[in-house]
Amino acid sequence: MEMLVVNGGSTLNGRIEVGGSKNATLPVMAAALAVDGPVLLRNVPNLVDVHTMSQLLQSLGADIRRQDDRLEIDAQDADGIVADYDLVRRMRASICVLGPLLARYGSARVSLPGGCNIGHRPIDLHLRGLTALGANIRISGGYVVAEAGQLRGAEVQLDGRHGSSVTATCNVMTAAALANGDSILRGVALEPEIDCLADFLNACGADIHRADASTLVIRGVKQLHGSTAEMIPDRIETATLAIAAALTQGTVQIDNAPVQHLDAVLAALSRIGVNLQQQKTTLTIDARHSLTATDLTTAPYPGIPTDTQAQFMSLLATVQGTSVVTDRVFPDRFMHVSELVRMGADICRTGDAAVVRGVPHLSGAPLMACDLRASAGLLLAALAADGQSQIRRIYHLDRGYVRLEEKLNRLGANITRCEESALSTV
């Protein structure tokens, strides 16, 4: 099994480019199952999760071809309706095939999803929305079994007790695009990845628009045709690189940055004391001075993403003062805290929050990654630590970042990827 060996203490400087968005690509790939024609996606990141989704689509009969950052999907002859447990368990985004399968074939059998262990993440909003469109749904043997002779347009309320759901919005939107009649989806997710999917479906012949920020109006069409789409840049990768620059007190220019999607992240960095220069697609981070503590609370878009919580916590663990980090999206997403404490961080969790008291230095240590974004947080902490750290279970990291260590090394980091058995030779 691979691991990362990080020699801390380097300052990141230079220029780096952000790749395509994982969280935009996966729902678009799933939606291609509802398209009667070939689809070409550009700026697709070469990630483990993208490979997993490709395998899932192929298991359903789709033809997948990849060249560089271009992905061709042809589901014209696909006829599978069973999304198997062995593939779906690997990532939560696999549930996004439910709506497209149901819309195109009238039935679907999709395993309940897996993914990172970051707390309870029910799919009740998916089921509520598809039921409102006329589907009959039951849970049997660990699978969602859905049937619908013909989906019909309806008014659907998609916000739940913990707010809106990105994947539920994707599922119901794609299904409604092929329903008979008009649909109004209220309480939909505001994330830019939703607009990326809507743009893709519209390019394929759908009729979808936002009536207001949280309402989608969808006029059902009989068929979707093939098209081409460009994946938006990854806002979480951008935030991760920006926080890495701040942690190491460096100066980094990030190109292809979706600056317009990062208002809350950039505001938080500014409060911490990071100097920022923004242009349309370029973000420059300058942290060559002392930084200070601040309180942060994650929230659905346009708030601070929960997917940046671990990275921000690593940064705040090294700056002067006391910060409180609250996660209102996934209140149990604090498994990285114990690993940071082993590096010398002073962090105490209380409920859905963690109190972080900045320390002058972190120390390198053997570390265990527990989920995708926690992996990134630990890697960033290791960059700033004194001495060497070894990070195991980096398969989590590879689900959401394309060789992140290589990008960081181009900025001056000292990170080696190796087999655990080779540690003694590093």
Protein backbone atom coordinates (compact mmCIF):
# COMPACT_ATOMS: atom_id res chain seq x y z
CA MET A 1 0.00 0.00 0.00
CA GLU A 2 1.29 3.48 -0.89
CA MET A 3 2.10 6.22 1.58
CA LEU A 4 3.54 9.73 1.58
CA VAL A 5 6.74 10.70 3.35
CA VAL A 6 6.79 14.43 4.04
CA ASN A 7 9.88 16.35 5.13
CA GLY A 8 8.41 19.48 6.65
CA GLY A 9 9.73 22.99 6.89
CA SER A 10 9.66 24.06 3.23
CA THR A 11 8.04 27.31 2.14
CA LEU A 12 5.77 27.03 -0.89
CA ASN A 13 6.43 29.52 -3.66
CA GLY A 14 5.66 29.62 -7.35
CA ARG A 15 2.77 29.10 -9.73
CA ILE A 16 0.37 26.16 -10.11
CA GLU A 17 -2.79 25.37 -12.07
CA VAL A 18 -6.01 23.87 -10.74
CA GLY A 19 -7.67 20.93 -12.51
CA GLY A 20 -11.29 20.09 -13.21
CA SER A 21 -13.82 19.68 -10.44
CA LYS A 22 -14.41 16.19 -9.06
CA ASN A 23 -17.73 17.20 -7.54
CA ALA A 24 -18.96 18.56 -10.87
CA THR A 25 -17.65 15.71 -13.02
CA LEU A 26 -19.21 12.77 -11.16
CA PRO A 27 -22.88 13.91 -11.40
CA VAL A 28 -22.40 14.85 -15.06
CA MET A 29 -20.95 11.41 -15.79
CA ALA A 30 -23.93 9.80 -14.07
CA ALA A 31 -26.37 11.99 -15.99
CA ALA A 32 -24.83 10.78 -19.26
CA LEU A 33 -26.78 7.53 -18.65
CA ALA A 34 -29.95 9.49 -19.46
CA VAL A 35 -28.56 10.78 -22.78
CA ASP A 36 -29.38 9.02 -26.03
CA GLY A 37 -26.13 9.86 -27.79
CA PRO A 38 -22.38 10.26 -27.26
CA VAL A 39 -21.14 12.78 -24.70
CA LEU A 40 -17.72 14.45 -24.65
CA LEU A 41 -16.52 15.92 -21.38
CA ARG A 42 -13.43 18.13 -21.21
CA ASN A 43 -11.25 19.16 -18.25
CA VAL A 44 -12.01 15.88 -16.47
CA PRO A 45 -9.65 15.16 -13.55
CA ASN A 46 -7.77 11.85 -13.60
CA LEU A 47 -8.98 10.71 -10.18
CA VAL A 48 -9.77 7.41 -8.51
CA ASP A 49 -13.41 8.49 -8.06
CA VAL A 50 -13.67 9.27 -11.78
CA HIS A 51 -12.27 5.82 -12.56
CA THR A 52 -14.79 4.27 -10.17
CA MET A 53 -17.69 6.11 -11.82
CA SER A 54 -16.36 5.02 -15.23
CA GLN A 55 -16.37 1.40 -14.06
CA LEU A 56 -19.91 1.79 -12.75
CA LEU A 57 -21.16 3.23 -16.06
CA GLN A 58 -19.41 0.46 -17.96
CA SER A 59 -21.06 -2.14 -15.74
CA LEU A 60 -24.39 -0.64 -16.83
CA GLY A 61 -23.46 -0.98 -20.51
CA ALA A 62 -21.99 2.44 -21.34
CA ASP A 63 -18.92 2.78 -23.55
CA ILE A 64 -16.17 4.89 -21.92
CA ARG A 65 -13.05 6.23 -23.60
CA ARG A 66 -10.47 8.55 -22.08
CA GLN A 67 -7.67 10.59 -23.64
CA ASP A 68 -5.77 13.12 -21.52
CA ASP A 69 -8.44 15.29 -19.85
CA ARG A 70 -11.18 14.31 -22.31
CA LEU A 71 -13.75 11.66 -21.47
CA GLU A 72 -16.18 10.20 -24.00
CA ILE A 73 -19.31 8.47 -22.72
CA ASP A 74 -21.76 6.70 -25.02
CA ALA A 75 -24.75 5.17 -23.26
CA GLN A 76 -26.94 4.72 -26.35
CA ASP A 77 -26.79 0.93 -26.09
CA ALA A 78 -26.61 0.74 -22.30
CA ASP A 79 -29.35 -1.43 -20.84
CA GLY A 80 -28.22 -2.22 -17.29
CA ILE A 81 -30.36 -1.00 -14.41
CA VAL A 82 -28.54 -2.60 -11.46
CA ALA A 83 -25.75 -0.55 -9.84
CA ASP A 84 -23.82 -3.17 -7.93
CA TYR A 85 -22.78 -2.87 -4.30
CA ASP A 86 -19.10 -3.58 -4.99
CA LEU A 87 -18.80 -0.37 -7.02
CA VAL A 88 -21.35 1.87 -5.29
CA ARG A 89 -19.85 1.23 -1.84
CA ARG A 90 -16.63 2.98 -2.87
CA MET A 91 -18.10 6.48 -3.10
CA ARG A 92 -21.29 8.27 -2.21
CA ALA A 93 -21.61 10.02 -5.59
CA SER A 94 -22.54 6.65 -7.13
CA ILE A 95 -26.10 7.26 -5.92
CA CYS A 96 -26.33 9.88 -8.70
CA VAL A 97 -27.05 7.10 -11.23
CA LEU A 98 -30.46 6.47 -9.60
CA GLY A 99 -32.28 9.40 -11.19
CA PRO A 100 -30.85 8.96 -14.72
CA LEU A 101 -31.58 5.19 -14.75
CA LEU A 102 -35.12 5.71 -13.51
CA ALA A 103 -35.79 8.50 -16.02
CA ARG A 104 -34.51 6.58 -19.03
CA TYR A 105 -35.54 3.00 -18.30
CA GLY A 106 -38.41 3.35 -15.85
CA SER A 107 -36.69 1.22 -13.23
CA ALA A 108 -33.45 1.06 -11.29
CA ARG A 109 -31.82 -1.02 -8.57
CA VAL A 110 -28.99 0.89 -6.91
CA SER A 111 -27.01 -0.20 -3.86
CA LEU A 112 -27.07 2.11 -0.89
CA PRO A 113 -23.90 4.23 -1.22
CA GLY A 114 -20.58 4.22 0.62
CA GLY A 115 -17.79 6.81 0.63
CA CYS A 116 -15.91 8.58 3.39
CA ASN A 117 -16.77 7.92 7.02
CA ILE A 118 -17.65 11.49 7.98
CA GLY A 119 -20.97 10.98 9.72
CA HIS A 120 -24.58 10.06 8.95
CA ARG A 121 -25.57 10.98 5.40
CA PRO A 122 -29.06 9.69 4.61
CA ILE A 123 -30.58 9.62 1.11
CA ASP A 124 -34.10 10.51 2.20
CA LEU A 125 -34.16 13.66 0.06
CA HIS A 126 -33.31 11.62 -3.05
CA LEU A 127 -36.17 9.24 -2.35
CA ARG A 128 -38.60 12.02 -1.44
CA GLY A 129 -37.90 13.89 -4.66
CA LEU A 130 -38.13 10.88 -6.96
CA THR A 131 -41.31 9.71 -5.23
CA ALA A 132 -42.85 13.13 -5.85
CA LEU A 133 -42.10 12.61 -9.56
CA GLY A 134 -44.13 9.39 -9.52
CA ALA A 135 -41.60 6.69 -8.66
CA ASN A 136 -42.46 3.74 -6.44
CA ILE A 137 -39.45 3.15 -4.18
CA ARG A 138 -38.54 0.57 -1.58
CA ILE A 139 -35.36 -0.57 0.16
CA SER A 140 -34.62 -4.27 -0.25
CA GLY A 141 -31.46 -6.19 0.55
CA GLY A 142 -29.34 -3.06 0.82
CA TYR A 143 -30.57 -1.71 -2.52
CA VAL A 144 -32.86 1.14 -3.53
CA VAL A 145 -35.43 -0.44 -5.85
CA ALA A 146 -37.29 2.18 -7.91
CA GLU A 147 -39.94 1.81 -10.60
CA ALA A 148 -41.93 4.30 -12.64
CA GLY A 149 -43.83 3.72 -15.84
CA GLN A 150 -43.48 7.40 -16.71
CA LEU A 151 -42.17 10.07 -14.39
CA ARG A 152 -44.43 13.11 -14.19
CA GLY A 153 -43.64 16.72 -13.45
CA ALA A 154 -44.31 17.89 -9.93
CA GLU A 155 -43.50 20.49 -7.32
CA VAL A 156 -40.78 19.08 -5.09
CA GLN A 157 -39.37 20.38 -1.81
CA LEU A 158 -35.71 19.30 -1.52
CA ASP A 159 -34.37 20.97 1.60
CA GLY A 160 -34.22 18.83 4.72
CA ARG A 161 -33.41 19.17 8.39
CA HIS A 162 -29.72 19.73 7.59
CA GLY A 163 -30.33 21.92 4.54
CA SER A 164 -30.11 21.09 0.86
CA SER A 165 -28.34 18.12 -0.71
CA VAL A 166 -26.12 18.41 -3.77
CA THR A 167 -26.48 14.79 -4.86
CA ALA A 168 -30.24 14.76 -4.23
CA THR A 169 -30.60 17.89 -6.35
CA CYS A 170 -28.58 16.22 -9.12
CA ASN A 171 -30.67 13.05 -9.02
CA VAL A 172 -34.05 14.75 -9.02
CA MET A 173 -33.05 17.39 -11.58
CA THR A 174 -31.88 14.77 -14.09
CA ALA A 175 -35.01 12.68 -13.56
CA ALA A 176 -37.28 15.72 -13.93
CA ALA A 177 -35.56 16.66 -17.19
CA LEU A 178 -37.17 13.59 -18.79
CA ALA A 179 -40.46 13.65 -16.87
CA ASN A 180 -43.80 14.28 -18.51
CA GLY A 181 -44.69 17.88 -17.74
CA ASP A 182 -43.16 20.71 -15.77
CA SER A 183 -41.42 20.48 -12.40
CA ILE A 184 -40.55 23.07 -9.80
CA LEU A 185 -37.76 22.03 -7.44
CA ARG A 186 -37.58 24.16 -4.31
CA GLY A 187 -34.84 24.19 -1.71
CA VAL A 188 -32.25 22.94 -4.20
CA ALA A 189 -28.52 23.11 -3.53
CA LEU A 190 -26.82 26.38 -4.49
CA GLU A 191 -23.40 24.88 -5.27
CA PRO A 192 -21.83 25.79 -8.65
CA GLU A 193 -21.61 22.08 -9.44
CA ILE A 194 -25.42 22.09 -9.74
CA ASP A 195 -25.23 24.78 -12.42
CA CYS A 196 -22.53 22.78 -14.21
CA LEU A 197 -24.91 19.80 -14.39
CA ALA A 198 -27.82 21.99 -15.49
CA ASP A 199 -25.68 23.51 -18.25
CA PHE A 200 -24.72 20.02 -19.42
CA LEU A 201 -28.32 18.80 -19.47
CA ASN A 202 -29.46 21.93 -21.30
CA ALA A 203 -26.74 21.38 -23.91
CA CYS A 204 -28.26 17.91 -24.37
CA GLY A 205 -31.72 19.34 -24.98
CA ALA A 206 -33.17 19.77 -21.49
CA ASP A 207 -35.06 22.89 -20.41
CA ILE A 208 -33.80 23.88 -16.96
CA HIS A 209 -33.36 27.29 -15.38
CA ARG A 210 -33.14 28.83 -11.91
CA ALA A 211 -36.20 30.90 -11.08
CA ASP A 212 -34.29 32.13 -8.04
CA ALA A 213 -31.23 30.98 -6.10
CA SER A 214 -32.94 27.95 -4.53
CA THR A 215 -35.60 27.12 -7.13
CA LEU A 216 -35.23 25.20 -10.39
CA VAL A 217 -37.93 25.21 -13.05
CA ILE A 218 -37.73 22.23 -15.39
CA ARG A 219 -39.84 21.59 -18.47
CA GLY A 220 -39.65 17.89 -19.24
CA VAL A 221 -38.51 16.74 -22.66
CA LYS A 222 -38.92 13.36 -24.35
CA GLN A 223 -35.26 12.72 -25.10
CA LEU A 224 -31.76 14.03 -24.44
CA HIS A 225 -29.18 14.07 -27.22
CA GLY A 226 -25.39 13.91 -27.13
CA SER A 227 -23.32 17.02 -26.55
CA THR A 228 -20.00 18.43 -25.29
CA ALA A 229 -19.34 20.01 -21.90
CA GLU A 230 -16.46 21.63 -20.03
CA MET A 231 -16.02 20.78 -16.36
CA ILE A 232 -15.57 23.77 -14.06
CA PRO A 233 -12.31 24.19 -12.09
CA ASP A 234 -12.15 22.51 -8.69
CA ARG A 235 -12.87 25.02 -5.93
CA ILE A 236 -11.83 22.59 -3.17
CA GLU A 237 -8.44 21.94 -4.76
CA THR A 238 -8.03 25.70 -5.13
CA ALA A 239 -8.83 26.25 -1.45
CA THR A 240 -6.47 23.43 -0.43
CA LEU A 241 -3.57 24.94 -2.37
CA ALA A 242 -4.31 28.40 -0.98
CA ILE A 243 -4.34 27.11 2.59
CA ALA A 244 -1.10 25.18 1.92
CA ALA A 245 0.57 28.42 0.85
CA ALA A 246 -0.69 30.15 4.00
CA LEU A 247 0.48 27.29 6.26
CA THR A 248 4.02 27.50 4.92
CA GLN A 249 4.04 31.32 4.87
CA GLY A 250 4.70 31.30 1.15
CA THR A 251 3.65 33.16 -1.98
CA VAL A 252 1.76 31.14 -4.57
CA GLN A 253 -0.14 32.08 -7.72
CA ILE A 254 -2.99 29.70 -8.52
CA ASP A 255 -4.14 29.69 -12.15
CA ASN A 256 -7.51 28.47 -13.48
CA ALA A 257 -8.91 29.31 -10.07
CA PRO A 258 -12.72 29.65 -9.75
CA VAL A 259 -12.39 32.83 -7.71
CA GLN A 260 -16.12 33.58 -8.06
CA HIS A 261 -16.94 30.37 -6.18
CA LEU A 262 -14.66 31.02 -3.20
CA ASP A 263 -15.98 34.17 -1.49
CA ALA A 264 -16.38 32.59 1.96
CA VAL A 265 -13.01 30.80 1.82
CA LEU A 266 -11.18 33.93 0.73
CA ALA A 267 -12.94 36.01 3.39
CA ALA A 268 -11.76 33.52 6.04
CA LEU A 269 -8.19 33.63 4.76
CA SER A 270 -8.30 37.42 4.84
CA ARG A 271 -9.48 37.37 8.47
CA ILE A 272 -6.55 35.11 9.32
CA GLY A 273 -4.27 37.74 7.81
CA VAL A 274 -3.42 36.30 4.39
CA ASN A 275 -2.91 38.86 1.65
CA LEU A 276 -4.91 37.99 -1.47
CA GLN A 277 -4.83 39.28 -5.02
CA GLN A 278 -7.73 38.21 -7.20
CA GLN A 279 -8.29 38.34 -10.91
CA LYS A 280 -10.90 36.58 -13.00
CA THR A 281 -9.17 33.18 -13.06
CA THR A 282 -6.06 33.84 -10.95
CA LEU A 283 -5.59 33.89 -7.20
CA THR A 284 -2.32 34.96 -5.54
CA ILE A 285 -1.66 34.03 -1.90
CA ASP A 286 0.92 35.98 0.13
CA ALA A 287 1.43 34.79 3.71
CA ARG A 288 4.95 36.07 4.41
CA HIS A 289 4.00 37.51 7.78
CA SER A 290 2.32 36.58 11.06
CA LEU A 291 -1.21 35.20 10.92
CA THR A 292 -3.91 35.32 13.61
CA ALA A 293 -6.73 33.11 14.86
CA THR A 294 -10.33 33.36 13.74
CA ASP A 295 -13.57 31.42 14.21
CA LEU A 296 -14.91 29.43 11.27
CA THR A 297 -18.25 27.73 10.64
CA THR A 298 -18.86 25.49 7.64
CA ALA A 299 -22.14 25.80 5.80
CA PRO A 300 -23.66 24.85 2.45
CA TYR A 301 -22.66 27.08 -0.47
CA PRO A 302 -22.01 29.98 -0.50
CA GLY A 303 -20.60 29.35 2.99
CA ILE A 304 -17.25 27.81 3.90
CA PRO A 305 -17.31 24.26 2.48
CA THR A 306 -17.14 21.38 4.91
CA ASP A 307 -14.61 19.94 2.46
CA THR A 308 -12.13 22.62 3.60
CA GLN A 309 -12.67 22.21 7.34
CA ALA A 310 -9.71 19.90 7.96
CA GLN A 311 -7.34 22.07 5.92
CA PHE A 312 -8.38 25.21 7.79
CA MET A 313 -7.98 23.42 11.11
CA SER A 314 -4.39 22.50 10.24
CA LEU A 315 -3.70 26.15 9.43
CA LEU A 316 -5.32 27.49 12.61
CA ALA A 317 -3.38 24.96 14.70
CA THR A 318 -0.21 26.89 13.81
CA VAL A 319 -1.32 30.53 14.20
CA GLN A 320 -1.35 32.65 17.34
CA GLY A 321 -4.54 32.73 19.37
CA THR A 322 -7.63 30.59 19.90
CA SER A 323 -10.03 29.63 17.13
CA VAL A 324 -13.32 27.75 17.18
CA VAL A 325 -14.05 25.60 14.12
CA THR A 326 -17.69 24.51 13.82
CA ASP A 327 -18.99 22.06 11.21
CA ARG A 328 -22.73 22.49 10.69
CA VAL A 329 -22.76 20.28 7.58
CA PHE A 330 -21.18 17.10 8.97
CA PRO A 331 -20.95 17.56 12.77
CA ASP A 332 -18.98 14.33 13.20
CA ARG A 333 -16.26 15.22 10.69
CA PHE A 334 -13.43 15.53 13.20
CA MET A 335 -11.54 12.24 12.93
CA HIS A 336 -8.41 14.16 11.88
CA VAL A 337 -8.26 15.96 15.24
CA SER A 338 -6.57 13.06 17.04
CA GLU A 339 -3.89 12.89 14.34
CA LEU A 340 -3.19 16.62 14.57
CA VAL A 341 -2.92 16.32 18.35
CA ARG A 342 -0.27 13.64 17.84
CA MET A 343 1.69 16.27 15.91
CA GLY A 344 1.55 18.62 18.89
CA ALA A 345 -1.61 20.57 18.03
CA ASP A 346 -3.73 21.86 20.92
CA ILE A 347 -7.28 20.99 19.86
CA CYS A 348 -10.28 20.02 21.99
CA ARG A 349 -13.49 18.85 20.38
CA THR A 350 -16.83 19.75 21.87
CA GLY A 351 -19.98 18.66 20.03
CA ASP A 352 -20.00 19.95 16.46
CA ALA A 353 -17.05 22.26 17.15
CA ALA A 354 -13.36 22.11 17.96
CA VAL A 355 -11.42 24.66 20.00
CA VAL A 356 -8.02 25.22 18.40
CA ARG A 357 -5.25 26.95 20.34
CA GLY A 358 -2.37 27.80 18.06
CA VAL A 359 1.07 26.39 18.88
CA PRO A 360 4.45 27.71 17.66
CA HIS A 361 5.35 24.46 15.89
CA LEU A 362 3.94 21.10 14.88
CA SER A 363 6.18 18.02 14.92
CA GLY A 364 6.40 15.36 12.24
CA ALA A 365 4.77 12.04 13.15
CA PRO A 366 3.38 8.83 11.65
CA LEU A 367 -0.16 9.69 10.53
CA MET A 368 -3.22 7.76 9.38
CA ALA A 369 -5.61 9.35 6.87
CA CYS A 370 -9.26 8.66 7.69
CA ASP A 371 -11.13 10.32 4.81
CA LEU A 372 -10.53 12.31 1.65
CA ARG A 373 -10.36 15.87 2.96
CA ALA A 374 -8.78 14.86 6.28
CA SER A 375 -5.96 13.40 4.18
CA ALA A 376 -5.38 16.81 2.64
CA GLY A 377 -5.49 18.47 6.04
CA LEU A 378 -2.86 16.10 7.43
CA LEU A 379 -0.66 16.56 4.37
CA LEU A 380 -0.78 20.34 4.81
CA ALA A 381 0.02 20.04 8.51
CA ALA A 382 2.99 17.82 7.67
CA LEU A 383 4.30 20.47 5.26
CA ALA A 384 4.58 22.97 8.10
CA ALA A 385 5.80 20.53 10.77
CA ASP A 386 9.34 20.15 12.05
CA GLY A 387 10.83 16.87 10.90
CA GLN A 388 9.40 14.00 8.93
CA SER A 389 5.84 12.67 8.74
CA GLN A 390 4.56 9.48 7.16
CA ILE A 391 0.96 9.51 5.97
CA ARG A 392 -0.70 6.16 5.41
CA ARG A 393 -3.99 5.25 3.69
CA ILE A 394 -3.46 7.87 1.01
CA TYR A 395 -5.93 6.09 -1.25
CA HIS A 396 -8.39 8.49 0.39
CA LEU A 397 -6.38 11.44 -0.93
CA ASP A 398 -6.23 10.01 -4.46
CA ARG A 399 -10.02 9.89 -4.61
CA GLY A 400 -10.18 13.67 -4.81
CA TYR A 401 -6.76 15.06 -5.79
CA VAL A 402 -4.64 14.29 -8.84
CA ARG A 403 -1.19 13.58 -7.39
CA LEU A 404 -1.44 16.50 -4.98
CA GLU A 405 2.07 15.82 -3.72
CA GLU A 406 3.49 16.44 -7.21
CA LYS A 407 1.83 19.87 -7.38
CA LEU A 408 3.12 20.73 -3.92
CA ASN A 409 6.63 19.55 -4.85
CA ARG A 410 6.61 21.88 -7.85
CA LEU A 411 6.07 24.69 -5.34
CA GLY A 412 9.01 23.60 -3.18
CA ALA A 413 7.65 20.87 -0.91
CA ASN A 414 9.65 17.72 -0.14
CA ILE A 415 7.19 14.82 -0.45
CA THR A 416 7.89 11.27 -1.60
CA ARG A 417 5.28 8.68 -2.55
CA CYS A 418 6.40 5.13 -1.82
CA GLU A 419 5.23 1.70 -0.76
CA GLU A 420 4.98 1.26 3.00
CA SER A 421 7.46 -1.60 2.75
CA ALA A 422 10.01 0.81 1.26
CA LEU A 423 9.91 3.24 4.18
CA SER A 424 13.22 2.07 5.57
CA THR A 425 14.96 3.03 2.31
CA VAL A 426 13.55 6.57 2.10
